[in-house]
Protein backbone atom coordinates (compact mmCIF):
# COMPACT_ATOMS: atom_id res chain seq x y z
CA GLY A 1 148.02 171.65 55.07
CA VAL A 2 146.37 168.68 56.77
CA GLY A 3 143.09 170.60 56.79
CA MET A 4 143.41 171.30 53.07
CA ALA A 5 143.95 167.61 52.32
CA ALA A 6 140.97 166.55 54.45
CA ASP A 7 138.81 169.21 52.81
CA GLN A 8 139.70 168.07 49.27
CA GLU A 9 139.49 164.34 49.86
CA PHE A 10 136.47 164.08 52.19
CA LEU A 11 134.39 167.24 52.55
CA ILE A 12 134.25 168.75 49.04
CA PRO A 13 133.38 165.48 47.21
CA ARG A 14 130.38 165.01 49.54
CA VAL A 15 128.88 168.39 48.58
CA ALA A 16 130.15 168.54 44.99
CA SER A 17 126.73 167.83 43.51
CA SER A 18 125.34 170.87 45.34
CA ILE A 19 127.97 173.25 44.03
CA LEU A 20 126.46 175.10 41.06
CA GLU A 21 129.52 176.97 39.89
CA ASN A 22 130.87 175.51 36.64
CA GLU A 23 134.35 176.18 35.39
CA GLN A 24 135.61 175.65 31.88
CA THR A 25 135.96 171.91 32.51
CA SER A 26 132.17 171.56 32.85
CA LEU A 27 131.31 173.35 29.59
CA ALA A 28 127.60 174.05 29.93
CA ARG A 29 127.25 176.35 26.90
CA ASP A 30 124.06 177.30 25.12
CA GLN A 31 125.08 179.25 22.02
CA GLU A 32 128.32 177.85 20.61
CA ASP A 33 128.13 175.45 17.67
CA GLU A 34 131.42 173.73 18.51
CA ILE A 35 132.28 172.75 22.07
CA TRP A 36 135.72 171.42 22.95
CA ASP A 37 137.06 169.18 25.70
CA ILE A 38 133.98 167.65 27.29
CA PHE A 39 134.07 165.15 30.16
CA ARG A 40 130.95 163.13 31.00
CA VAL A 41 130.07 159.97 32.93
CA ASP A 42 126.88 158.05 32.08
CA ARG A 43 124.72 155.86 34.32
CA TYR A 44 126.59 152.72 33.19
CA ARG A 45 129.88 153.84 34.82
CA ARG A 46 131.37 154.79 31.46
CA ALA A 47 133.56 157.89 31.38
CA PHE A 48 133.64 159.85 28.10
CA GLN A 49 136.43 162.20 27.05
CA ILE A 50 135.18 164.12 23.99
CA GLN A 51 137.57 166.42 22.20
CA LYS A 52 134.95 168.18 20.06
CA TYR A 53 131.16 168.30 19.76
CA SER A 54 129.50 169.87 16.71
CA ARG A 55 125.90 170.83 17.38
CA ARG A 56 125.23 171.60 13.71
CA LEU A 57 126.47 168.19 12.53
CA HIS A 58 125.21 166.30 15.62
CA ARG A 59 128.59 164.63 15.85
CA LEU A 60 131.29 163.91 18.41
CA GLU A 61 134.95 163.80 17.39
CA SER A 62 137.93 162.08 19.05
CA VAL A 63 135.98 160.15 21.68
CA THR A 64 137.62 158.12 24.47
CA LEU A 65 135.31 155.79 26.40
CA THR A 66 136.50 154.15 29.63
CA GLN A 67 134.42 151.42 31.24
CA LEU A 68 135.00 150.91 34.99
CA ASP A 69 133.71 148.18 37.27
CA GLU A 70 132.16 148.75 40.70
CA HIS A 71 135.65 148.92 42.24
CA GLY A 72 136.85 151.62 39.86
CA VAL A 73 139.05 149.20 37.90
CA LYS A 74 139.16 149.73 34.13
CA ARG A 75 137.62 146.93 32.11
CA ARG A 76 137.41 148.49 28.66
CA ILE A 77 138.79 151.49 26.78
CA VAL A 78 137.56 152.56 23.35
CA PHE A 79 139.13 155.19 21.11
CA ALA A 80 136.93 156.40 18.22
CA GLU A 81 137.46 159.08 15.61
CA GLU A 82 133.81 160.11 15.75
CA ALA A 83 130.42 159.20 17.18
CA THR A 84 126.80 159.99 16.36
CA TRP A 85 123.41 159.30 17.93
CA ASP A 86 120.74 156.86 16.82
CA THR A 87 117.71 155.12 18.33
CA ASP A 88 116.61 151.50 18.46
CA PRO A 89 113.08 150.37 17.39
CA ARG A 90 111.82 151.11 20.91
CA GLY A 91 113.12 154.69 20.80
CA VAL A 92 116.00 154.08 23.22
CA PRO A 93 118.91 156.45 22.46
CA LEU A 94 122.10 154.83 21.18
CA LEU A 95 125.62 156.17 20.70
CA VAL A 96 127.32 154.84 17.56
CA LEU A 97 131.15 154.92 17.54
CA SER A 98 133.06 154.78 14.26
CA ARG A 99 136.65 154.12 13.19
CA GLY A 100 138.79 153.31 16.18
CA THR A 101 140.17 150.67 18.51
CA ASP A 102 138.46 148.73 21.29
CA TYR A 103 140.65 147.51 24.18
CA SER A 104 139.19 144.91 26.55
CA PHE A 105 140.96 144.06 29.82
CA PRO A 106 140.70 140.50 31.16
CA GLU A 107 139.45 140.34 34.74
CA GLY A 108 142.35 140.40 37.15
CA ASP A 109 144.78 141.71 34.51
CA PRO A 110 144.45 145.53 34.19
CA PHE A 111 147.47 145.64 31.86
CA GLY A 112 146.58 142.78 29.49
CA ALA A 113 144.54 144.81 27.01
CA ILE A 114 143.28 142.97 23.91
CA PRO A 115 142.91 145.43 20.98
CA LEU A 116 140.28 145.14 18.29
CA GLY A 117 139.98 147.64 15.45
CA PHE A 118 136.58 148.65 14.08
CA GLY A 119 135.17 150.72 11.20
CA ASP A 120 131.92 152.60 10.58
CA ARG A 121 128.97 151.81 12.90
CA TRP A 122 130.87 149.01 14.60
CA LEU A 123 130.26 149.80 18.26
CA ILE A 124 126.83 150.78 19.52
CA PHE A 125 126.13 151.66 23.15
CA GLN A 126 122.91 152.30 24.98
CA THR A 127 123.55 155.37 27.10
CA ASN A 128 121.89 158.36 28.70
CA LEU A 129 124.62 160.58 27.20
CA SER A 130 122.31 162.47 24.83
CA GLU A 131 123.03 165.70 22.97
CA LYS A 132 121.00 167.54 25.58
CA ALA A 133 123.10 166.00 28.36
CA LEU A 134 126.26 167.52 26.86
CA LEU A 135 124.93 170.99 27.66
CA GLU A 136 123.66 170.22 31.15
CA LYS A 137 125.53 171.18 34.28
CA GLU A 138 127.56 168.44 35.93
CA VAL A 139 129.89 168.02 38.84
CA ASN A 140 133.24 169.59 38.13
CA PRO A 141 135.86 166.78 38.00
CA LEU A 142 138.20 168.99 40.04
CA LEU A 143 135.81 168.55 43.00
CA LEU A 144 136.26 164.78 43.07
CA ASN A 145 138.60 163.11 45.52
CA SER A 146 141.93 161.82 44.23
CA ARG A 147 140.81 158.20 43.85
CA ASP A 148 137.73 159.08 41.77
CA LEU A 149 139.65 161.60 39.68
CA GLU A 150 142.33 158.99 38.93
CA ALA A 151 139.63 156.56 37.81
CA HIS A 152 138.13 159.15 35.46
CA LEU A 153 141.55 159.86 33.97
CA GLU A 154 142.37 156.20 33.28
CA GLY A 155 141.32 156.57 29.65
CA ILE A 156 143.76 159.34 28.74
CA PRO A 157 146.98 157.78 27.40
CA SER A 158 149.98 160.00 26.79
CA GLU A 159 149.52 160.03 23.03
CA ARG A 160 146.04 161.65 23.32
CA LYS A 161 147.01 164.90 25.02
CA THR A 162 143.78 166.88 25.29
CA ARG A 163 143.60 170.19 27.10
CA ILE A 164 141.11 168.92 29.64
CA GLY A 165 143.33 165.91 30.36
CA GLY A 166 146.38 168.09 30.93
CA LYS A 167 144.47 170.41 33.24
CA LEU A 168 143.00 167.61 35.32
CA LEU A 169 146.27 165.66 35.53
CA THR A 170 148.15 168.76 36.66
CA ALA A 171 145.51 169.48 39.29
CA LEU A 172 145.62 165.88 40.52
CA HIS A 173 149.41 165.82 40.88
CA ALA A 174 149.37 169.25 42.55
CA ARG A 175 147.23 168.21 45.50
CA LEU A 176 150.12 166.99 47.66
CA PRO A 177 152.50 169.91 46.96
CA GLU A 178 149.67 172.40 47.58
CA CYS A 179 149.23 170.91 51.06
CA LEU A 180 152.97 171.32 51.73
CA ALA A 181 153.01 174.97 50.63
CA PRO A 182 151.76 176.52 53.93
CA LEU A 183 154.69 174.99 55.82
CA PHE A 184 157.31 176.50 53.54
CA LEU A 185 155.49 179.82 53.21
CA SER A 186 155.52 180.19 56.98
CA LEU A 187 159.27 179.60 57.07
CA LEU A 188 159.78 182.78 55.04
CA ALA A 189 158.38 184.93 57.82
CA VAL A 190 159.54 183.06 60.94
CA PRO A 191 163.16 184.37 61.03
CA VAL A 192 162.00 187.98 60.77
CA VAL A 193 159.23 187.60 63.32
CA LEU A 194 161.56 185.96 65.86
CA ARG A 195 163.78 189.03 66.02
CA GLN A 196 163.23 191.42 68.89
CA GLU A 197 162.67 194.68 66.98
CA THR A 198 158.98 195.44 66.68
CA ARG A 199 159.31 196.84 63.17
CA ASN A 200 160.40 193.44 61.89
CA TYR A 201 156.95 192.01 62.54
CA ALA A 202 155.67 194.16 59.69
CA TRP A 203 158.58 193.04 57.52
CA GLY A 204 157.79 189.41 58.36
CA LEU A 205 154.16 189.88 57.39
CA ALA A 206 155.13 191.63 54.15
CA LEU A 207 157.66 188.93 53.30
CA GLY A 208 155.17 186.17 53.97
CA LEU A 209 152.54 187.82 51.77
CA ALA A 210 155.06 188.47 49.00
CA GLY A 211 156.11 184.83 49.08
CA TRP A 212 152.49 183.74 48.90
CA VAL A 213 151.77 185.99 45.90
CA ALA A 214 154.89 184.73 44.11
CA TYR A 215 153.94 181.13 44.85
CA VAL A 216 150.39 181.60 43.54
CA ALA A 217 151.69 183.26 40.37
CA LEU A 218 154.15 180.41 39.77
CA THR A 219 151.36 177.89 40.40
CA GLN A 220 149.14 179.51 37.78
CA VAL A 221 151.92 179.59 35.19
CA SER A 222 152.81 175.96 35.85
CA ALA A 223 149.14 174.92 35.60
CA LEU A 224 148.87 176.61 32.19
CA LEU A 225 152.03 174.91 30.95
CA GLY A 226 150.91 171.51 32.24
CA GLY A 227 147.38 171.93 30.89
CA ALA A 228 148.75 172.70 27.43
CA TRP A 229 151.19 169.74 27.67
CA LEU A 230 154.13 172.09 27.09
CA ILE A 231 155.69 170.33 30.08
CA PRO A 232 154.55 167.04 31.71
CA PRO A 233 151.65 167.60 34.15
CA LEU A 234 153.55 165.85 36.95
CA LEU A 235 156.49 168.23 36.52
CA ALA A 236 154.18 171.25 36.28
CA ALA A 237 152.49 170.30 39.54
CA TRP A 238 155.76 170.09 41.50
CA ILE A 239 157.62 173.09 40.04
CA PRO A 240 156.12 175.67 42.49
CA ILE A 241 156.99 173.68 45.61
CA ALA A 242 160.39 172.72 44.15
CA VAL A 243 161.18 176.44 43.87
CA LEU A 244 159.56 177.48 47.14
CA ALA A 245 161.01 174.77 49.40
CA PRO A 246 164.76 175.47 48.95
CA VAL A 247 164.20 179.23 49.07
CA ALA A 248 162.17 178.97 52.28
CA LEU A 249 164.58 176.53 53.94
CA GLY A 250 167.60 178.59 52.94
CA PHE A 251 166.03 181.79 54.24
CA TYR A 252 164.95 180.08 57.46
CA LEU A 253 168.39 178.60 58.19
CA PHE A 254 170.18 181.84 57.30
CA GLY A 255 167.75 183.92 59.33
CA ILE A 256 168.00 181.76 62.44
CA ARG A 257 171.81 181.92 62.37
CA THR A 258 171.85 185.69 61.99
């Protein structure tokens, strides 16, 4: 469990940019006209959560922009119904956000947001987030360490429950219980293995494997429920270990006594 935590928090983030495998969260698609649930970060430390991108209309829908400072503290969050691209007289690409709310956070007060509503073509940002960039491969957010993943998820309030947000939140909350799982899985087999009869070693191995398969299946179901916001992501992340822990402890205590 300690090795799993060290792997996720220190080793994997260091090599994440070299990992080419993209899961659904990365969404590097070439043929589809509509792409859903896109997560991107531009060179200006702005994180974009985009619910829908229409290639035919050259338009983004339901855009959440989160501006972070060099310490990972949120300074600005913008919600916009849609966004389109434009260029300035020098040919520099611009992203134009329309119809939404702009929240600015005073320095030193991460909770004192000052809202400002805006209409069509109100907010314009210079960014390297071009249409082409939406289809390029990027680092999977699930490969980030917990601190960086939390910073990227700052711009997802509870009322904007996107599928990508639910999946990432569930995965983030599940990191601690996943590291506890090996301890409780081992407790399923220990009472059987400690008995003297040789045949019980096979039963202990079978029981341990069965418990692992059941735990993995429960983890997958909980992740789907949390990702779809059918249950809160925090609850979905802890359900597997909440079921496994009392079963393993009960079996261990009962087995040692008998």
